């Protein structure tokens, strides 16, 4: 079992920055693919960014050039650096994990991930 706890959310003005953290416990994140998803009110949960166990990354078109996903396996933590935030980035952000040493074309699928955190709220004011 892997427990994931997100932190770092909050209220920020348009153009501001936040860094979300996803701390894992129970097992090392070595070999795990990780993803950040978000869900805005009235909308479906969507992938924001994903990182393979080897460090390759993928991003939603809406956040490319603004968000950066990274991982520190020594700290068992995954990060999402969010810059140039917009009101449309307002959502609950979730961290997700799946044991998968290697690449996969399924990284964008919510159903592909095994473990989920409880989420952290990000609100961007205009």
Foldseek 3Di string as FASTA:
>chain_A
DKAWAKDWADEEAQQAKIKIKIAIDDDQCQQKKKWKWWDDPPGDIWTAKIAGSVGDIDGDPVQPPFWDWGDDRVRRMIMIIGGRDDQVVWTWMKMFIDRHHDDDPCRGPPVVTDDIYPTDTHGYHD
